[in-house]
Amino acid sequence: MAAIKGKNTISGKEGLAIVIIDNIQYELFYLKSFEATLEKQKSEIKRVGRRFASHKSTGVTGTGSVVMDYYTPVFKNKMIEYINTGVDFYFDMIVKVSDPASDAGTETVVLKDCNLDQVMVSKLDGDSDDPLEDNFDFTFEGIEYETSFNEYKKPNA
């Protein structure tokens, strides 16, 4: 069995994320980490005479988390707008993973109808010499793959 070449693994430092709020694109150039997950929702099915429960997939939940430098006011401003008007805000997020050293190519994912769970209002930390960070979790309600990584093909011996 051939192992994948080290150069074809994907560096997590190569890529970018863009949020689109009110048709304006904001590149999250101060992004430190990003993760999005799809989790299946299942119903448990129990039957008389059977000790194993069965499961039926009934839907999907999309969640994500972001860690970035404490910098952008855009999310705070949209949250204040929500407080004042009662109109919540949703946005799309484009995430591109592209390691130029790898033959894997580029993966571009569009997360649709993202909605923040919380927004940091302000922060101070006198014990840290590191720059301040902002963390937020979010949900999303749709996903599109614009581009996928190239399929790994075993090299000829």
N, C-alpha and C. Protein backbone atom coordinates (compact mmCIF):
# COMPACT_ATOMS: atom_id res chain seq x y z
N MET A 1 0.84 -1.17 0.00
CA MET A 1 0.00 0.00 0.00
C MET A 1 0.89 1.24 0.00
N ALA A 2 0.65 2.12 -0.93
CA ALA A 2 1.43 3.35 -1.03
C ALA A 2 0.85 4.42 -0.11
N ALA A 3 1.71 5.15 0.53
CA ALA A 3 1.28 6.23 1.40
C ALA A 3 1.24 7.52 0.59
N ILE A 4 0.39 8.45 1.01
CA ILE A 4 0.36 9.74 0.34
C ILE A 4 1.68 10.46 0.59
N LYS A 5 2.17 11.13 -0.43
CA LYS A 5 3.42 11.87 -0.28
C LYS A 5 3.21 13.04 0.66
N GLY A 6 4.22 13.32 1.46
CA GLY A 6 4.13 14.41 2.43
C GLY A 6 3.78 15.74 1.79
N LYS A 7 4.31 15.99 0.60
CA LYS A 7 4.05 17.28 -0.05
C LYS A 7 2.58 17.44 -0.44
N ASN A 8 1.85 16.33 -0.53
CA ASN A 8 0.45 16.40 -0.93
C ASN A 8 -0.53 16.50 0.23
N THR A 9 -0.02 16.49 1.46
CA THR A 9 -0.89 16.80 2.58
C THR A 9 -1.22 18.30 2.51
N ILE A 10 -2.24 18.71 3.20
CA ILE A 10 -2.72 20.08 3.08
C ILE A 10 -2.30 20.89 4.31
N SER A 11 -1.62 22.00 4.07
CA SER A 11 -1.28 22.91 5.16
C SER A 11 -2.51 23.71 5.54
N GLY A 12 -2.82 23.74 6.80
CA GLY A 12 -3.97 24.50 7.29
C GLY A 12 -3.75 26.00 7.29
N LYS A 13 -2.55 26.44 6.97
CA LYS A 13 -2.25 27.87 6.94
C LYS A 13 -2.50 28.48 5.57
N GLU A 14 -2.83 27.65 4.59
CA GLU A 14 -2.98 28.14 3.22
C GLU A 14 -4.45 28.23 2.85
N GLY A 15 -4.96 29.43 2.76
CA GLY A 15 -6.34 29.60 2.38
C GLY A 15 -6.86 30.96 2.80
N LEU A 16 -8.17 31.13 2.70
CA LEU A 16 -8.79 32.38 3.11
C LEU A 16 -10.27 32.14 3.37
N ALA A 17 -10.86 33.08 4.09
CA ALA A 17 -12.30 33.04 4.35
C ALA A 17 -12.86 34.42 4.09
N ILE A 18 -14.02 34.44 3.45
CA ILE A 18 -14.70 35.69 3.12
C ILE A 18 -16.13 35.57 3.62
N VAL A 19 -16.63 36.61 4.29
CA VAL A 19 -18.04 36.66 4.65
C VAL A 19 -18.71 37.70 3.76
N ILE A 20 -19.95 37.40 3.39
CA ILE A 20 -20.73 38.32 2.57
C ILE A 20 -21.94 38.74 3.38
N ILE A 21 -21.93 40.02 3.80
CA ILE A 21 -23.00 40.57 4.61
C ILE A 21 -23.59 41.76 3.84
N ASP A 22 -24.87 41.73 3.59
CA ASP A 22 -25.54 42.79 2.84
C ASP A 22 -24.85 43.06 1.50
N ASN A 23 -24.48 41.99 0.81
CA ASN A 23 -23.82 42.06 -0.50
C ASN A 23 -22.44 42.73 -0.47
N ILE A 24 -21.84 42.85 0.70
CA ILE A 24 -20.48 43.39 0.83
C ILE A 24 -19.58 42.25 1.30
N GLN A 25 -18.44 42.07 0.62
CA GLN A 25 -17.50 41.01 0.98
C GLN A 25 -16.47 41.55 1.96
N TYR A 26 -16.24 40.77 3.03
CA TYR A 26 -15.22 41.09 4.02
C TYR A 26 -14.28 39.91 4.11
N GLU A 27 -13.02 40.11 3.76
CA GLU A 27 -12.05 39.02 3.91
C GLU A 27 -11.62 38.97 5.37
N LEU A 28 -11.68 37.78 5.94
CA LEU A 28 -11.25 37.61 7.33
C LEU A 28 -9.74 37.37 7.35
N PHE A 29 -8.99 38.41 6.99
CA PHE A 29 -7.53 38.30 6.90
C PHE A 29 -6.89 38.12 8.26
N TYR A 30 -7.63 38.32 9.32
CA TYR A 30 -7.13 38.18 10.68
C TYR A 30 -7.58 36.86 11.30
N LEU A 31 -7.99 35.92 10.43
CA LEU A 31 -8.47 34.61 10.86
C LEU A 31 -7.32 33.77 11.39
N LYS A 32 -7.53 33.11 12.52
CA LYS A 32 -6.53 32.21 13.09
C LYS A 32 -6.93 30.76 12.90
N SER A 33 -8.21 30.44 13.07
CA SER A 33 -8.67 29.08 12.82
C SER A 33 -10.15 29.11 12.46
N PHE A 34 -10.54 28.11 11.69
CA PHE A 34 -11.90 28.00 11.21
C PHE A 34 -12.25 26.52 11.15
N GLU A 35 -13.48 26.20 11.51
CA GLU A 35 -13.96 24.82 11.39
C GLU A 35 -15.47 24.84 11.18
N ALA A 36 -15.92 24.04 10.22
CA ALA A 36 -17.36 23.87 9.99
C ALA A 36 -17.65 22.37 9.95
N THR A 37 -18.78 21.99 10.51
CA THR A 37 -19.13 20.58 10.65
C THR A 37 -20.60 20.37 10.27
N LEU A 38 -20.85 19.23 9.61
CA LEU A 38 -22.21 18.78 9.36
C LEU A 38 -22.48 17.61 10.29
N GLU A 39 -23.57 17.69 11.03
CA GLU A 39 -23.93 16.61 11.94
C GLU A 39 -25.32 16.10 11.58
N LYS A 40 -25.41 14.77 11.39
CA LYS A 40 -26.70 14.17 11.06
C LYS A 40 -27.58 14.12 12.30
N GLN A 41 -28.85 14.41 12.10
CA GLN A 41 -29.85 14.22 13.14
C GLN A 41 -30.50 12.88 12.87
N LYS A 42 -30.72 12.11 13.93
CA LYS A 42 -31.27 10.77 13.77
C LYS A 42 -32.37 10.53 14.79
N SER A 43 -33.35 9.77 14.39
CA SER A 43 -34.39 9.29 15.30
C SER A 43 -34.03 7.86 15.69
N GLU A 44 -34.25 7.55 16.95
CA GLU A 44 -33.98 6.20 17.43
C GLU A 44 -35.25 5.37 17.29
N ILE A 45 -35.10 4.19 16.73
CA ILE A 45 -36.23 3.30 16.51
C ILE A 45 -36.02 2.05 17.35
N LYS A 46 -36.95 1.79 18.27
CA LYS A 46 -36.87 0.62 19.15
C LYS A 46 -37.98 -0.35 18.77
N ARG A 47 -37.66 -1.64 18.87
CA ARG A 47 -38.65 -2.67 18.54
C ARG A 47 -38.65 -3.76 19.61
N VAL A 48 -39.81 -4.30 19.81
CA VAL A 48 -39.95 -5.42 20.73
C VAL A 48 -39.17 -6.60 20.15
N GLY A 49 -38.43 -7.29 21.00
CA GLY A 49 -37.69 -8.47 20.59
C GLY A 49 -36.34 -8.18 19.96
N ARG A 50 -35.98 -6.92 19.89
CA ARG A 50 -34.68 -6.57 19.32
C ARG A 50 -33.92 -5.74 20.34
N ARG A 51 -32.72 -6.15 20.64
CA ARG A 51 -31.94 -5.45 21.65
C ARG A 51 -31.20 -4.24 21.09
N PHE A 52 -30.87 -4.29 19.81
CA PHE A 52 -30.22 -3.14 19.17
C PHE A 52 -31.27 -2.15 18.71
N ALA A 53 -31.04 -0.89 19.00
CA ALA A 53 -31.91 0.16 18.47
C ALA A 53 -31.46 0.47 17.05
N SER A 54 -32.40 0.75 16.20
CA SER A 54 -32.10 1.20 14.84
C SER A 54 -32.13 2.72 14.81
N HIS A 55 -31.59 3.28 13.75
CA HIS A 55 -31.55 4.74 13.63
C HIS A 55 -31.95 5.15 12.22
N LYS A 56 -32.73 6.20 12.14
CA LYS A 56 -33.18 6.76 10.87
C LYS A 56 -32.66 8.19 10.78
N SER A 57 -31.89 8.49 9.73
CA SER A 57 -31.44 9.86 9.52
C SER A 57 -32.63 10.72 9.15
N THR A 58 -32.74 11.88 9.82
CA THR A 58 -33.90 12.74 9.61
C THR A 58 -33.52 14.16 9.22
N GLY A 59 -32.25 14.51 9.23
CA GLY A 59 -31.85 15.86 8.86
C GLY A 59 -30.39 16.09 9.15
N VAL A 60 -29.97 17.32 8.95
CA VAL A 60 -28.57 17.71 9.14
C VAL A 60 -28.52 19.07 9.82
N THR A 61 -27.58 19.25 10.72
CA THR A 61 -27.31 20.54 11.34
C THR A 61 -25.90 20.96 10.97
N GLY A 62 -25.75 22.21 10.53
CA GLY A 62 -24.44 22.76 10.21
C GLY A 62 -24.00 23.73 11.29
N THR A 63 -22.82 23.49 11.85
CA THR A 63 -22.27 24.38 12.88
C THR A 63 -20.83 24.69 12.55
N GLY A 64 -20.34 25.78 13.11
CA GLY A 64 -18.95 26.15 12.89
C GLY A 64 -18.42 27.02 14.00
N SER A 65 -17.10 27.20 13.97
CA SER A 65 -16.45 28.07 14.96
C SER A 65 -15.29 28.79 14.29
N VAL A 66 -15.04 29.99 14.78
CA VAL A 66 -13.99 30.85 14.24
C VAL A 66 -13.20 31.42 15.40
N VAL A 67 -11.88 31.47 15.24
CA VAL A 67 -11.00 32.20 16.15
C VAL A 67 -10.24 33.19 15.28
N MET A 68 -10.26 34.46 15.68
CA MET A 68 -9.56 35.47 14.89
C MET A 68 -9.01 36.54 15.82
N ASP A 69 -8.12 37.35 15.28
CA ASP A 69 -7.64 38.48 16.05
C ASP A 69 -8.82 39.38 16.38
N TYR A 70 -8.76 39.98 17.55
CA TYR A 70 -9.81 40.90 17.99
C TYR A 70 -9.68 42.17 17.17
N TYR A 71 -10.56 42.31 16.17
CA TYR A 71 -10.34 43.40 15.23
C TYR A 71 -11.62 43.97 14.63
N THR A 72 -12.45 43.13 14.05
CA THR A 72 -13.52 43.64 13.20
C THR A 72 -14.75 44.12 13.96
N PRO A 73 -15.28 45.28 13.59
CA PRO A 73 -16.52 45.76 14.20
C PRO A 73 -17.77 45.31 13.45
N VAL A 74 -17.64 44.69 12.29
CA VAL A 74 -18.80 44.42 11.45
C VAL A 74 -19.83 43.53 12.16
N PHE A 75 -19.40 42.50 12.87
CA PHE A 75 -20.35 41.62 13.55
C PHE A 75 -21.01 42.33 14.73
N LYS A 76 -20.23 43.15 15.45
CA LYS A 76 -20.81 43.91 16.56
C LYS A 76 -21.87 44.88 16.06
N ASN A 77 -21.57 45.56 14.96
CA ASN A 77 -22.52 46.52 14.41
C ASN A 77 -23.81 45.84 13.96
N LYS A 78 -23.69 44.66 13.34
CA LYS A 78 -24.88 43.93 12.90
C LYS A 78 -25.68 43.42 14.10
N MET A 79 -24.99 43.05 15.18
CA MET A 79 -25.69 42.60 16.39
C MET A 79 -26.44 43.77 17.02
N ILE A 80 -25.83 44.94 17.09
CA ILE A 80 -26.51 46.13 17.63
C ILE A 80 -27.71 46.49 16.77
N GLU A 81 -27.56 46.36 15.45
CA GLU A 81 -28.69 46.60 14.54
C GLU A 81 -29.83 45.62 14.85
N TYR A 82 -29.48 44.35 15.10
CA TYR A 82 -30.50 43.35 15.47
C TYR A 82 -31.20 43.74 16.78
N ILE A 83 -30.43 44.19 17.76
CA ILE A 83 -31.01 44.60 19.05
C ILE A 83 -32.00 45.75 18.85
N ASN A 84 -31.62 46.71 18.01
CA ASN A 84 -32.43 47.90 17.82
C ASN A 84 -33.64 47.69 16.92
N THR A 85 -33.55 46.76 15.97
CA THR A 85 -34.62 46.60 14.99
C THR A 85 -35.39 45.29 15.12
N GLY A 86 -34.76 44.28 15.75
CA GLY A 86 -35.37 42.96 15.82
C GLY A 86 -35.18 42.14 14.56
N VAL A 87 -34.48 42.69 13.56
CA VAL A 87 -34.22 41.98 12.31
C VAL A 87 -32.85 41.32 12.41
N ASP A 88 -32.86 39.99 12.44
CA ASP A 88 -31.61 39.23 12.54
C ASP A 88 -30.86 39.29 11.22
N PHE A 89 -29.58 39.01 11.27
CA PHE A 89 -28.76 39.05 10.06
C PHE A 89 -28.19 37.67 9.76
N TYR A 90 -28.17 37.36 8.50
CA TYR A 90 -27.61 36.12 7.99
C TYR A 90 -26.57 36.48 6.94
N PHE A 91 -25.60 35.61 6.76
CA PHE A 91 -24.56 35.89 5.78
C PHE A 91 -24.06 34.59 5.19
N ASP A 92 -23.41 34.70 4.06
CA ASP A 92 -22.74 33.55 3.45
C ASP A 92 -21.26 33.66 3.74
N MET A 93 -20.60 32.53 3.79
CA MET A 93 -19.16 32.49 4.03
C MET A 93 -18.51 31.60 2.97
N ILE A 94 -17.49 32.13 2.34
CA ILE A 94 -16.72 31.37 1.36
C ILE A 94 -15.39 31.00 2.01
N VAL A 95 -15.08 29.72 2.03
CA VAL A 95 -13.83 29.24 2.63
C VAL A 95 -13.05 28.51 1.55
N LYS A 96 -11.83 28.97 1.34
CA LYS A 96 -10.97 28.40 0.30
C LYS A 96 -9.72 27.83 0.95
N VAL A 97 -9.46 26.55 0.70
CA VAL A 97 -8.25 25.89 1.19
C VAL A 97 -7.41 25.57 -0.04
N SER A 98 -6.22 26.16 -0.11
CA SER A 98 -5.41 26.00 -1.30
C SER A 98 -3.93 26.04 -0.92
N ASP A 99 -3.32 24.88 -0.85
CA ASP A 99 -1.90 24.78 -0.52
C ASP A 99 -1.13 24.66 -1.83
N PRO A 100 -0.40 25.68 -2.24
CA PRO A 100 0.29 25.64 -3.54
C PRO A 100 1.38 24.57 -3.63
N ALA A 101 1.83 24.05 -2.50
CA ALA A 101 2.87 23.02 -2.50
C ALA A 101 2.29 21.63 -2.74
N SER A 102 0.98 21.49 -2.66
CA SER A 102 0.33 20.19 -2.77
C SER A 102 -0.29 20.01 -4.15
N ASP A 103 -0.29 18.78 -4.63
CA ASP A 103 -0.98 18.47 -5.90
C ASP A 103 -2.49 18.31 -5.69
N ALA A 104 -2.97 18.50 -4.47
CA ALA A 104 -4.39 18.30 -4.18
C ALA A 104 -5.28 19.35 -4.82
N GLY A 105 -4.72 20.49 -5.17
CA GLY A 105 -5.52 21.54 -5.77
C GLY A 105 -6.20 22.40 -4.71
N THR A 106 -7.39 22.86 -5.04
CA THR A 106 -8.10 23.81 -4.19
C THR A 106 -9.48 23.27 -3.83
N GLU A 107 -9.88 23.52 -2.60
CA GLU A 107 -11.24 23.23 -2.16
C GLU A 107 -11.90 24.56 -1.80
N THR A 108 -13.05 24.83 -2.39
CA THR A 108 -13.80 26.05 -2.09
C THR A 108 -15.20 25.66 -1.65
N VAL A 109 -15.55 26.05 -0.44
CA VAL A 109 -16.84 25.73 0.15
C VAL A 109 -17.59 27.03 0.41
N VAL A 110 -18.88 27.04 0.10
CA VAL A 110 -19.73 28.18 0.41
C VAL A 110 -20.75 27.72 1.44
N LEU A 111 -20.71 28.34 2.61
CA LEU A 111 -21.68 28.07 3.67
C LEU A 111 -22.78 29.11 3.55
N LYS A 112 -24.01 28.66 3.44
CA LYS A 112 -25.15 29.54 3.18
C LYS A 112 -25.93 29.84 4.46
N ASP A 113 -26.44 31.04 4.51
CA ASP A 113 -27.31 31.48 5.61
C ASP A 113 -26.70 31.22 6.98
N CYS A 114 -25.46 31.70 7.16
CA CYS A 114 -24.79 31.60 8.46
C CYS A 114 -25.44 32.59 9.43
N ASN A 115 -25.45 32.20 10.70
CA ASN A 115 -26.03 33.04 11.74
C ASN A 115 -25.20 32.87 13.00
N LEU A 116 -24.73 33.99 13.55
CA LEU A 116 -23.87 33.95 14.74
C LEU A 116 -24.63 33.54 15.98
N ASP A 117 -23.96 32.82 16.86
CA ASP A 117 -24.53 32.45 18.16
C ASP A 117 -24.25 33.52 19.21
N GLN A 118 -23.11 34.16 19.11
CA GLN A 118 -22.75 35.21 20.07
C GLN A 118 -21.73 36.14 19.43
N VAL A 119 -21.64 37.35 19.99
CA VAL A 119 -20.66 38.34 19.54
C VAL A 119 -19.98 38.91 20.78
N MET A 120 -18.65 38.97 20.75
CA MET A 120 -17.91 39.56 21.86
C MET A 120 -18.07 41.08 21.79
N VAL A 121 -18.47 41.68 22.90
CA VAL A 121 -18.71 43.12 22.93
C VAL A 121 -17.41 43.88 23.18
N SER A 122 -16.62 43.41 24.14
CA SER A 122 -15.36 44.07 24.45
C SER A 122 -14.50 43.10 25.25
N LYS A 123 -13.20 43.38 25.28
CA LYS A 123 -12.29 42.45 25.96
C LYS A 123 -11.01 43.17 26.37
N LEU A 124 -10.52 42.85 27.55
CA LEU A 124 -9.21 43.26 28.04
C LEU A 124 -8.56 42.05 28.71
N ASP A 125 -7.25 41.98 28.68
CA ASP A 125 -6.55 40.86 29.32
C ASP A 125 -5.17 41.33 29.74
N GLY A 126 -5.04 41.74 30.99
CA GLY A 126 -3.77 42.24 31.52
C GLY A 126 -2.74 41.16 31.79
N ASP A 127 -3.14 39.88 31.81
CA ASP A 127 -2.21 38.79 32.08
C ASP A 127 -1.53 38.26 30.82
N SER A 128 -1.97 38.67 29.68
CA SER A 128 -1.45 38.08 28.44
C SER A 128 -0.59 39.07 27.67
N ASP A 129 0.50 38.55 27.10
CA ASP A 129 1.32 39.34 26.19
C ASP A 129 0.92 39.11 24.74
N ASP A 130 -0.02 38.19 24.52
CA ASP A 130 -0.48 37.87 23.18
C ASP A 130 -1.57 38.86 22.74
N PRO A 131 -1.70 39.06 21.44
CA PRO A 131 -2.79 39.91 20.95
C PRO A 131 -4.15 39.32 21.35
N LEU A 132 -5.13 40.18 21.51
CA LEU A 132 -6.47 39.73 21.87
C LEU A 132 -7.08 38.91 20.75
N GLU A 133 -7.88 37.91 21.12
CA GLU A 133 -8.58 37.07 20.16
C GLU A 133 -10.08 37.23 20.34
N ASP A 134 -10.80 36.99 19.26
CA ASP A 134 -12.25 36.98 19.26
C ASP A 134 -12.69 35.61 18.78
N ASN A 135 -13.61 34.98 19.47
CA ASN A 135 -14.11 33.66 19.09
C ASN A 135 -15.61 33.77 18.88
N PHE A 136 -16.12 33.09 17.86
CA PHE A 136 -17.57 33.00 17.75
C PHE A 136 -17.96 31.68 17.11
N ASP A 137 -19.11 31.21 17.53
CA ASP A 137 -19.72 30.02 16.96
C ASP A 137 -20.86 30.46 16.07
N PHE A 138 -21.20 29.61 15.10
CA PHE A 138 -22.28 29.95 14.19
C PHE A 138 -22.96 28.69 13.69
N THR A 139 -24.13 28.87 13.13
CA THR A 139 -24.83 27.80 12.45
C THR A 139 -24.94 28.20 10.98
N PHE A 140 -25.17 27.20 10.12
CA PHE A 140 -25.43 27.49 8.71
C PHE A 140 -26.49 26.53 8.22
N GLU A 141 -27.17 26.95 7.15
CA GLU A 141 -28.35 26.21 6.70
C GLU A 141 -28.23 25.67 5.28
N GLY A 142 -27.05 25.76 4.70
CA GLY A 142 -26.83 25.22 3.37
C GLY A 142 -25.35 25.19 3.07
N ILE A 143 -24.98 24.37 2.09
CA ILE A 143 -23.56 24.24 1.73
C ILE A 143 -23.45 23.92 0.25
N GLU A 144 -22.46 24.50 -0.40
CA GLU A 144 -22.13 24.20 -1.79
C GLU A 144 -20.62 24.04 -1.89
N TYR A 145 -20.20 23.04 -2.64
CA TYR A 145 -18.79 22.90 -2.96
C TYR A 145 -18.58 23.48 -4.34
N GLU A 146 -17.88 24.60 -4.42
CA GLU A 146 -17.58 25.18 -5.73
C GLU A 146 -16.45 24.42 -6.41
N THR A 147 -15.44 24.05 -5.62
CA THR A 147 -14.35 23.21 -6.13
C THR A 147 -13.98 22.21 -5.05
N SER A 148 -13.57 21.02 -5.48
CA SER A 148 -13.13 19.98 -4.55
C SER A 148 -11.67 19.66 -4.82
N PHE A 149 -11.01 19.11 -3.82
CA PHE A 149 -9.64 18.66 -4.01
C PHE A 149 -9.58 17.61 -5.11
N ASN A 150 -8.44 17.53 -5.77
CA ASN A 150 -8.22 16.46 -6.74
C ASN A 150 -8.20 15.13 -6.01
N GLU A 151 -8.72 14.11 -6.65
CA GLU A 151 -8.70 12.78 -6.05
C GLU A 151 -7.26 12.27 -6.06
N TYR A 152 -6.84 11.71 -4.92
CA TYR A 152 -5.47 11.18 -4.83
C TYR A 152 -5.36 9.92 -5.65
N LYS A 153 -4.38 9.90 -6.51
CA LYS A 153 -4.12 8.72 -7.33
C LYS A 153 -2.78 8.13 -6.93
N LYS A 154 -2.78 6.85 -6.74
CA LYS A 154 -1.56 6.14 -6.36
C LYS A 154 -0.52 6.31 -7.49
N PRO A 155 0.67 6.78 -7.15
CA PRO A 155 1.70 6.95 -8.19
C PRO A 155 2.16 5.59 -8.71
N ASN A 156 2.56 5.57 -9.97
CA ASN A 156 3.11 4.35 -10.54
C ASN A 156 4.45 4.03 -9.90
N ALA A 157 4.67 2.76 -9.62
CA ALA A 157 5.92 2.36 -8.95
C ALA A 157 7.08 2.38 -9.91
